[in-house]
Each structure stands twice: as C-alpha cells, then as structure tokens.
Amino acid sequence: MSALLPWQQPQWDNLQSRIAQDNLPHALLLTGRRGVGKLHFARQLGERLLCSDDQPAPCGQCKGCRLISAGTHPDLKVIQPPQDKSVISVDQIRELTHYLSLTSLCGGYQVVLISPADAMNVNAANSLLKTLEEPPANTLLLLMSDRPSALTATIRSRCQVINFEKPAHDSALAWLKNEQPALDTKTANTVLELADGAPLRAADMVTQGALNQRTEMLDDLEQIAAGRCDPIEIAKKWLKLGKKESLYWVYGWLVDMVRMKVANQPPYIANADIASRLSKIAATIELPLLYKRLDQVSEALRLADNPSLNAELLLEGVLIGWTPRR
C-alpha cells in the first residue's frame, strides 16, 4: 500500500468525513493538471473502501488489501485506453455496465477508476451516462481528467468535483527529492519547473531521462536551423522519442522565445537553464514568425492523437519550417 501524497490531505480528510457520515456520492470527478496524483488518490480511496479494517487508511494486511496489492481484487476495476490506443471505447463501457450489474463478490463496494475520463469517445460517454443516472448501490465511480471541459456537460453534472491544485513549491520539491534522492536541488527545481509544478510528472521525467532528451532535441533543432542536417531524418528520430513529447518541448521553447522577444527581462522562463541557447535562436527569428511557428506546433499537438494522421509527417511539417531559406 503506497502512502497518500502530502498535498492531498485536505481532499482526503473531506472524503473521510463523508464516508463516516455514510454520505459518499456515487461518482467523483477528480480534476487538476497532469502529474498532481489524481489516479494515485483514486487508488488510495478505492483501497480505503475495499479494506476490511474500517480506518482512515487501508491496513495493508486484510484479504481485500492483499488482493489489491496483487492486482486481483474482483471489486476494483480500472478503465483506461488499451495499449497503443488513445480512446476508451464504447465496448469497454458496456463491459463495465455488465460488471456493475453483478453483485459485489466481496460483499462491499464496487469501485471503478476511469482514467483519463476525457479519453472516452462519444458513444462511450453516452453509455456511461446511463450508469451515472441510475448507479447501482454501493458503487463508486472515480473519473480522472486533466481536461474536464472536454467531458460532456451531462457527465460533469452527474459527478461531484474534487479539484487538485498545483502543490506548493516547497512541498513538491521535498517530495521529488525524496523520490529521486540522486537529484541535486538545482536540477530538481529545473525539472519541477518543466513539469509545470506537477511532482509526479517531474518524477516521471527524471526516470525517463527527459532532460537528456531535451538537450539532444535542442541540438537537433539548432542543426536544422543552421542547415546542417535533414529535418526529415530528425523527424524519424523524434518519432521514436514520442511525437507528443517532442512537440511539447518545441512548444515550450517557442513560448519562452516569444517571452524573450516581447520583454527584455521576461517575468518567467520555463526553460531557464537553457535560456541563453534559446535567446540566440530567438535573435535570428522575427516575432511574427515565432508566433506562426507557435500556432503550427499548437495545431500539431491538437492533431497528434488522431490515429488517421501520419505522425512522422506531422513532425516533418513542424521541422521543415526551421530550415534556413536559400
């Protein structure tokens, strides 16, 4: 059993009070930026409800806790997009509806985690709506979303919202350094800034070697801008690193470069540790062109989850614009 994240204590205490009063809603929508621990919180709440020991935290010793630890608890179901897919299908929700029509095998709650809820297609969302309107007894549906506005109003209206704000910097930094003890404070601060203050996202970035990837990608972009490498070959390379991850890096660099162009001393630069390199690139590009490239990357990010589009061509379209004009 993992521990509750320290910045989630207020939300936890609120729900514990409602459990004690037997006033828990049938559906909760957990919102907040990516990487603040919404799924972690949902799992903790599910463990709490399925634990045989009626205490504010799961005991870790009872049959229910052991089944959860083994990933085999019959009354805990997690709905996510299938591997290599970005959409939760209507068939998954129909299967969930059938699952909820059956009696709890352990005689208590049935807990469902849907993450991310905004990944449901229209048919899946409509199918879930029927369950939200007439939920079975002793059922808790936990929907997680970084983008709650992407959910239909009817789905949102049938859930009680629990929002998770960005943690205080000191709290997030302390947690990150505890999770990644090899990090020095300067690097930890850098990663946390790049993760927009979201500690779990920052920890994932460290584990995945994101800072090294960012440096390598900036090297590539500088080479393209200098006319010393082929953007089509770089697109192939970046595709292996992850299309959306690559586009997010370029988007962040462009935002910082725009800030540098419009203010001699920008109030905030996300990529502060490589600001001098970005400043040199920005000095060679007129502001209208920077805005144009920012719009292009924004559109590429919007299209990135479309399975019918060629991801490599999407990256090529972004990178070719950086080649010097002859």
Protein backbone atom coordinates (compact mmCIF):
# COMPACT_ATOMS: atom_id res chain seq x y z
CA MET A 1 0.00 0.00 0.00
CA SER A 2 1.52 3.33 -1.08
CA ALA A 3 1.14 6.45 1.04
CA LEU A 4 -1.17 9.37 0.41
CA LEU A 5 0.61 12.28 -1.26
CA PRO A 6 1.14 15.07 1.29
CA TRP A 7 -0.60 17.84 -0.69
CA GLN A 8 -3.77 15.73 -1.00
CA GLN A 9 -4.59 15.65 2.71
CA PRO A 10 -7.41 18.26 2.60
CA GLN A 11 -9.30 16.36 -0.11
CA TRP A 12 -8.71 13.09 1.73
CA ASP A 13 -9.98 14.45 5.04
CA ASN A 14 -13.11 15.79 3.36
CA LEU A 15 -13.96 12.39 1.86
CA GLN A 16 -13.16 10.53 5.09
CA SER A 17 -15.70 12.73 6.83
CA ARG A 18 -18.28 11.88 4.19
CA ILE A 19 -17.53 8.16 4.48
CA ALA A 20 -18.01 8.36 8.25
CA GLN A 21 -21.39 10.03 7.68
CA ASP A 22 -22.34 7.45 5.03
CA ASN A 23 -22.68 10.36 2.60
CA LEU A 24 -20.29 9.39 -0.18
CA PRO A 25 -21.56 10.27 -3.68
CA HIS A 26 -21.79 7.59 -6.34
CA ALA A 27 -19.46 9.44 -8.74
CA LEU A 28 -16.48 11.74 -8.26
CA LEU A 29 -14.66 13.72 -10.94
CA LEU A 30 -11.03 14.29 -9.92
CA THR A 31 -9.59 17.26 -11.80
CA GLY A 32 -6.25 19.06 -11.89
CA ARG A 33 -3.18 19.33 -14.09
CA ARG A 34 -1.39 16.22 -15.26
CA GLY A 35 1.03 14.87 -12.67
CA VAL A 36 -0.55 16.03 -9.39
CA GLY A 37 -1.55 12.48 -8.47
CA LYS A 38 -5.25 12.16 -9.30
CA LEU A 39 -5.02 8.46 -10.20
CA HIS A 40 -2.87 7.83 -7.12
CA PHE A 41 -5.53 9.47 -4.94
CA ALA A 42 -8.29 7.45 -6.61
CA ARG A 43 -6.43 4.21 -5.97
CA GLN A 44 -5.93 5.18 -2.33
CA LEU A 45 -9.65 5.88 -1.96
CA GLY A 46 -10.52 2.60 -3.64
CA GLU A 47 -8.19 0.74 -1.30
CA ARG A 48 -9.74 2.52 1.67
CA LEU A 49 -13.26 1.45 0.67
CA LEU A 50 -12.28 -2.15 -0.07
CA CYS A 51 -10.21 -2.61 3.09
CA SER A 52 -11.87 -4.74 5.76
CA ASP A 53 -10.41 -2.60 8.54
CA ASP A 54 -12.69 0.45 8.84
CA GLN A 55 -9.92 3.01 9.39
CA PRO A 56 -8.96 6.28 7.61
CA ALA A 57 -6.21 4.46 5.71
CA PRO A 58 -6.02 0.94 4.19
CA CYS A 59 -4.41 -1.53 6.60
CA GLY A 60 -2.40 -3.42 4.00
CA GLN A 61 -2.94 -6.71 5.83
CA CYS A 62 -6.54 -7.84 5.29
CA LYS A 63 -7.74 -10.02 2.43
CA GLY A 64 -9.01 -7.02 0.48
CA CYS A 65 -5.70 -5.18 0.77
CA ARG A 66 -3.75 -8.29 -0.22
CA LEU A 67 -5.95 -8.76 -3.30
CA ILE A 68 -5.43 -5.11 -4.27
CA SER A 69 -1.69 -5.43 -3.79
CA ALA A 70 -1.71 -8.47 -6.09
CA GLY A 71 -3.86 -6.63 -8.63
CA THR A 72 -6.63 -9.25 -8.40
CA HIS A 73 -9.38 -7.64 -6.33
CA PRO A 74 -12.68 -8.53 -8.07
CA ASP A 75 -14.44 -5.36 -6.92
CA LEU A 76 -11.85 -2.89 -8.23
CA LYS A 77 -11.95 -2.16 -11.94
CA VAL A 78 -9.70 0.25 -13.88
CA ILE A 79 -10.83 1.54 -17.28
CA GLN A 80 -8.09 3.07 -19.45
CA PRO A 81 -7.37 3.27 -23.18
CA PRO A 82 -5.96 -0.04 -24.45
CA GLN A 83 -2.21 -0.18 -25.04
CA ASP A 84 -1.18 1.85 -28.10
CA LYS A 85 -4.65 3.46 -28.20
CA SER A 86 -5.79 6.90 -27.07
CA VAL A 87 -9.54 6.24 -26.78
CA ILE A 88 -11.77 4.44 -24.28
CA SER A 89 -14.29 2.61 -26.44
CA VAL A 90 -18.00 2.01 -26.02
CA ASP A 91 -17.29 -1.73 -25.72
CA GLN A 92 -15.20 -1.08 -22.62
CA ILE A 93 -18.04 0.89 -21.04
CA ARG A 94 -20.61 -1.74 -22.00
CA GLU A 95 -18.43 -4.36 -20.32
CA LEU A 96 -18.30 -2.08 -17.26
CA THR A 97 -22.10 -1.80 -17.23
CA HIS A 98 -22.38 -5.60 -17.19
CA TYR A 99 -19.75 -5.79 -14.43
CA LEU A 100 -21.71 -3.33 -12.27
CA SER A 101 -24.93 -5.29 -12.79
CA LEU A 102 -23.39 -8.16 -10.82
CA THR A 103 -23.25 -8.33 -7.05
CA SER A 104 -20.04 -7.39 -5.29
CA LEU A 105 -18.01 -10.57 -4.85
CA CYS A 106 -16.63 -9.43 -1.50
CA GLY A 107 -19.89 -8.03 -0.18
CA GLY A 108 -18.91 -4.36 -0.08
CA TYR A 109 -18.26 -1.55 -2.53
CA GLN A 110 -17.58 -1.89 -6.23
CA VAL A 111 -15.01 0.76 -7.20
CA VAL A 112 -14.35 1.86 -10.78
CA LEU A 113 -11.47 4.10 -11.89
CA ILE A 114 -11.77 5.72 -15.34
CA SER A 115 -8.56 7.44 -16.42
CA PRO A 116 -8.48 9.68 -18.29
CA ALA A 117 -12.25 10.11 -18.47
CA ASP A 118 -11.92 12.58 -21.36
CA ALA A 119 -10.50 9.72 -23.46
CA MET A 120 -13.99 8.24 -23.80
CA ASN A 121 -15.41 8.59 -27.29
CA VAL A 122 -18.94 9.98 -27.74
CA ASN A 123 -20.61 6.58 -27.68
CA ALA A 124 -18.67 5.50 -24.59
CA ALA A 125 -19.60 8.71 -22.75
CA ASN A 126 -23.28 8.26 -23.65
CA SER A 127 -23.17 4.67 -22.45
CA LEU A 128 -21.58 5.69 -19.13
CA LEU A 129 -24.25 8.35 -18.68
CA LYS A 130 -26.89 5.67 -18.18
CA THR A 131 -24.89 4.21 -15.27
CA LEU A 132 -24.34 7.66 -13.76
CA GLU A 133 -28.06 8.38 -13.92
CA GLU A 134 -29.04 5.10 -12.22
CA PRO A 135 -25.97 3.91 -10.28
CA PRO A 136 -26.11 0.55 -8.50
CA ALA A 137 -25.96 0.63 -4.72
CA ASN A 138 -22.53 0.60 -3.04
CA THR A 139 -20.82 1.70 -6.22
CA LEU A 140 -18.23 4.47 -6.56
CA LEU A 141 -17.12 5.68 -9.98
CA LEU A 142 -13.94 7.78 -9.94
CA LEU A 143 -13.33 9.74 -13.13
CA MET A 144 -9.95 11.43 -13.62
CA SER A 145 -9.36 14.27 -16.07
CA ASP A 146 -6.70 16.88 -16.80
CA ARG A 147 -9.23 18.49 -19.16
CA PRO A 148 -12.67 18.33 -17.55
CA SER A 149 -14.04 20.77 -20.14
CA ALA A 150 -13.51 18.01 -22.72
CA LEU A 151 -16.17 15.93 -20.94
CA THR A 152 -19.80 16.44 -21.84
CA ALA A 153 -21.80 18.73 -19.55
CA THR A 154 -24.14 15.84 -18.75
CA ILE A 155 -21.25 13.70 -17.48
CA ARG A 156 -19.84 16.55 -15.38
CA SER A 157 -23.23 17.41 -13.90
CA ARG A 158 -23.65 13.89 -12.52
CA CYS A 159 -20.32 13.87 -10.69
CA GLN A 160 -19.14 15.76 -7.67
CA VAL A 161 -15.87 17.52 -8.47
CA ILE A 162 -12.74 17.18 -6.37
CA ASN A 163 -10.08 19.58 -7.64
CA PHE A 164 -6.35 19.23 -7.04
CA GLU A 165 -4.40 22.46 -7.31
CA LYS A 166 -0.70 22.64 -8.06
CA PRO A 167 1.14 21.83 -4.80
CA ALA A 168 3.15 24.48 -3.02
CA HIS A 169 6.66 24.56 -4.46
CA ASP A 170 8.43 23.59 -1.23
CA SER A 171 6.13 20.61 -0.71
CA ALA A 172 6.53 19.45 -4.30
CA LEU A 173 10.31 19.90 -4.21
CA ALA A 174 10.67 17.97 -0.94
CA TRP A 175 8.60 15.09 -2.31
CA LEU A 176 10.52 15.00 -5.61
CA LYS A 177 13.92 14.92 -3.88
CA ASN A 178 12.71 12.15 -1.61
CA GLU A 179 11.55 10.14 -4.65
CA GLN A 180 14.71 10.91 -6.63
CA PRO A 181 17.47 11.19 -3.99
CA ALA A 182 20.23 11.45 -6.62
CA LEU A 183 18.85 14.81 -7.80
CA ASP A 184 20.60 17.97 -6.65
CA THR A 185 18.38 20.90 -5.70
CA LYS A 186 19.12 22.90 -8.86
CA THR A 187 18.20 20.03 -11.18
CA ALA A 188 15.13 19.18 -9.10
CA ASN A 189 13.95 22.78 -9.38
CA THR A 190 14.54 22.72 -13.15
CA VAL A 191 12.57 19.52 -13.67
CA LEU A 192 9.74 20.75 -11.46
CA GLU A 193 9.51 23.97 -13.50
CA LEU A 194 9.44 21.99 -16.75
CA ALA A 195 6.67 19.82 -15.31
CA ASP A 196 4.64 22.95 -14.54
CA GLY A 197 4.91 22.26 -10.82
CA ALA A 198 3.39 18.76 -11.04
CA PRO A 199 5.55 16.47 -8.85
CA LEU A 200 4.60 13.06 -10.31
CA ARG A 201 5.14 14.33 -13.82
CA ALA A 202 8.53 15.67 -12.74
CA ALA A 203 9.49 12.30 -11.24
CA ASP A 204 8.50 10.55 -14.47
CA MET A 205 10.62 12.99 -16.45
CA VAL A 206 13.65 12.16 -14.32
CA THR A 207 13.07 8.41 -14.66
CA GLN A 208 12.69 8.70 -18.43
CA GLY A 209 15.80 10.85 -18.86
CA ALA A 210 13.77 13.76 -20.18
CA LEU A 211 16.47 16.39 -19.55
CA ASN A 212 18.96 14.50 -21.71
CA GLN A 213 16.28 14.06 -24.37
CA ARG A 214 15.55 17.79 -24.30
CA THR A 215 19.24 18.64 -24.74
CA GLU A 216 19.57 16.23 -27.65
CA MET A 217 16.46 17.62 -29.32
CA LEU A 218 17.62 21.22 -28.94
CA ASP A 219 20.93 20.21 -30.52
CA ASP A 220 18.94 18.79 -33.44
CA LEU A 221 16.86 21.93 -33.82
CA GLU A 222 19.95 24.15 -33.83
CA GLN A 223 21.49 21.94 -36.51
CA ILE A 224 18.35 22.18 -38.65
CA ALA A 225 18.25 25.99 -38.23
CA ALA A 226 21.87 26.14 -39.31
CA GLY A 227 21.16 23.99 -42.38
CA ARG A 228 23.49 21.24 -41.21
CA CYS A 229 21.03 18.32 -41.01
CA ASP A 230 17.93 16.97 -42.70
CA PRO A 231 14.65 17.73 -40.88
CA ILE A 232 13.08 14.59 -42.37
CA GLU A 233 15.71 12.40 -40.72
CA ILE A 234 15.29 14.26 -37.44
CA ALA A 235 11.52 13.72 -37.63
CA LYS A 236 12.12 9.97 -37.80
CA LYS A 237 14.39 10.21 -34.78
CA TRP A 238 11.93 12.34 -32.78
CA LEU A 239 9.08 9.97 -33.57
CA LYS A 240 10.94 7.27 -31.63
CA LEU A 241 11.23 9.67 -28.68
CA GLY A 242 7.47 10.26 -28.76
CA LYS A 243 5.52 12.56 -31.04
CA LYS A 244 3.63 14.46 -28.36
CA GLU A 245 6.62 14.67 -26.03
CA SER A 246 8.71 16.13 -28.86
CA LEU A 247 6.03 18.64 -29.78
CA TYR A 248 5.61 19.71 -26.14
CA TRP A 249 9.32 20.50 -25.91
CA VAL A 250 9.23 22.64 -29.07
CA TYR A 251 6.06 24.36 -27.87
CA GLY A 252 7.72 25.25 -24.56
CA TRP A 253 10.82 26.60 -26.29
CA LEU A 254 8.73 28.76 -28.59
CA VAL A 255 6.72 30.17 -25.69
CA ASP A 256 9.97 31.10 -23.92
CA MET A 257 11.40 32.65 -27.09
CA VAL A 258 8.28 34.77 -27.56
CA ARG A 259 8.59 35.97 -23.97
CA MET A 260 12.21 36.89 -24.63
CA LYS A 261 11.26 38.89 -27.72
CA VAL A 262 8.48 40.89 -26.07
CA ALA A 263 10.29 41.62 -22.78
CA ASN A 264 13.95 42.30 -22.15
CA GLN A 265 13.56 40.68 -18.75
CA PRO A 266 10.73 38.14 -19.01
CA PRO A 267 8.97 37.52 -15.69
CA TYR A 268 9.03 33.77 -16.26
CA ILE A 269 11.04 31.37 -18.44
CA ALA A 270 10.19 27.67 -18.11
CA ASN A 271 13.48 26.52 -19.66
CA ALA A 272 15.61 28.87 -17.57
CA ASP A 273 18.65 26.58 -17.57
CA ILE A 274 18.94 26.78 -21.38
CA ALA A 275 17.70 30.36 -21.73
CA SER A 276 20.94 31.56 -23.35
CA ARG A 277 20.64 28.99 -26.14
CA LEU A 278 17.00 29.83 -26.74
CA SER A 279 17.83 33.54 -26.75
CA LYS A 280 20.39 33.03 -29.54
CA ILE A 281 17.80 31.20 -31.65
CA ALA A 282 15.15 33.83 -30.92
CA ALA A 283 17.52 36.62 -32.01
CA THR A 284 17.53 35.20 -35.55
CA ILE A 285 13.72 35.00 -35.90
CA GLU A 286 11.24 37.83 -36.22
CA LEU A 287 8.40 37.85 -33.68
CA PRO A 288 5.61 37.26 -36.27
CA LEU A 289 7.40 34.14 -37.47
CA LEU A 290 7.76 32.89 -33.90
CA TYR A 291 4.02 33.30 -33.42
CA LYS A 292 3.42 31.47 -36.70
CA ARG A 293 5.57 28.55 -35.58
CA LEU A 294 3.86 28.52 -32.19
CA ASP A 295 0.48 28.26 -33.92
CA GLN A 296 1.81 25.45 -36.10
CA VAL A 297 3.02 23.41 -33.12
CA SER A 298 -0.26 24.07 -31.26
CA GLU A 299 -2.17 22.69 -34.24
CA ALA A 300 0.18 19.69 -34.45
CA LEU A 301 -0.46 18.93 -30.78
CA ARG A 302 -4.20 19.18 -31.37
CA LEU A 303 -3.94 16.66 -34.21
CA ALA A 304 -1.40 14.35 -32.57
CA ASP A 305 -3.99 11.98 -31.08
CA ASN A 306 -5.78 11.49 -34.40
CA PRO A 307 -4.95 7.89 -35.37
CA SER A 308 -5.66 8.56 -39.05
CA LEU A 309 -2.84 11.10 -39.35
CA ASN A 310 0.75 10.15 -40.12
CA ALA A 311 2.72 11.19 -37.03
CA GLU A 312 6.02 11.31 -38.90
CA LEU A 313 4.59 13.72 -41.48
CA LEU A 314 3.22 15.83 -38.63
CA LEU A 315 6.72 16.21 -37.17
CA GLU A 316 8.22 16.81 -40.59
CA GLY A 317 5.79 19.66 -41.16
CA VAL A 318 6.93 21.31 -37.93
CA LEU A 319 10.66 20.83 -38.51
CA ILE A 320 10.88 21.77 -42.19
CA GLY A 321 9.82 25.30 -41.28
CA TRP A 322 13.05 25.70 -39.30
CA THR A 323 15.34 25.16 -42.28
CA PRO A 324 17.09 28.32 -43.48
CA ARG A 325 15.73 29.95 -46.62
CA ARG A 326 18.05 29.90 -49.59
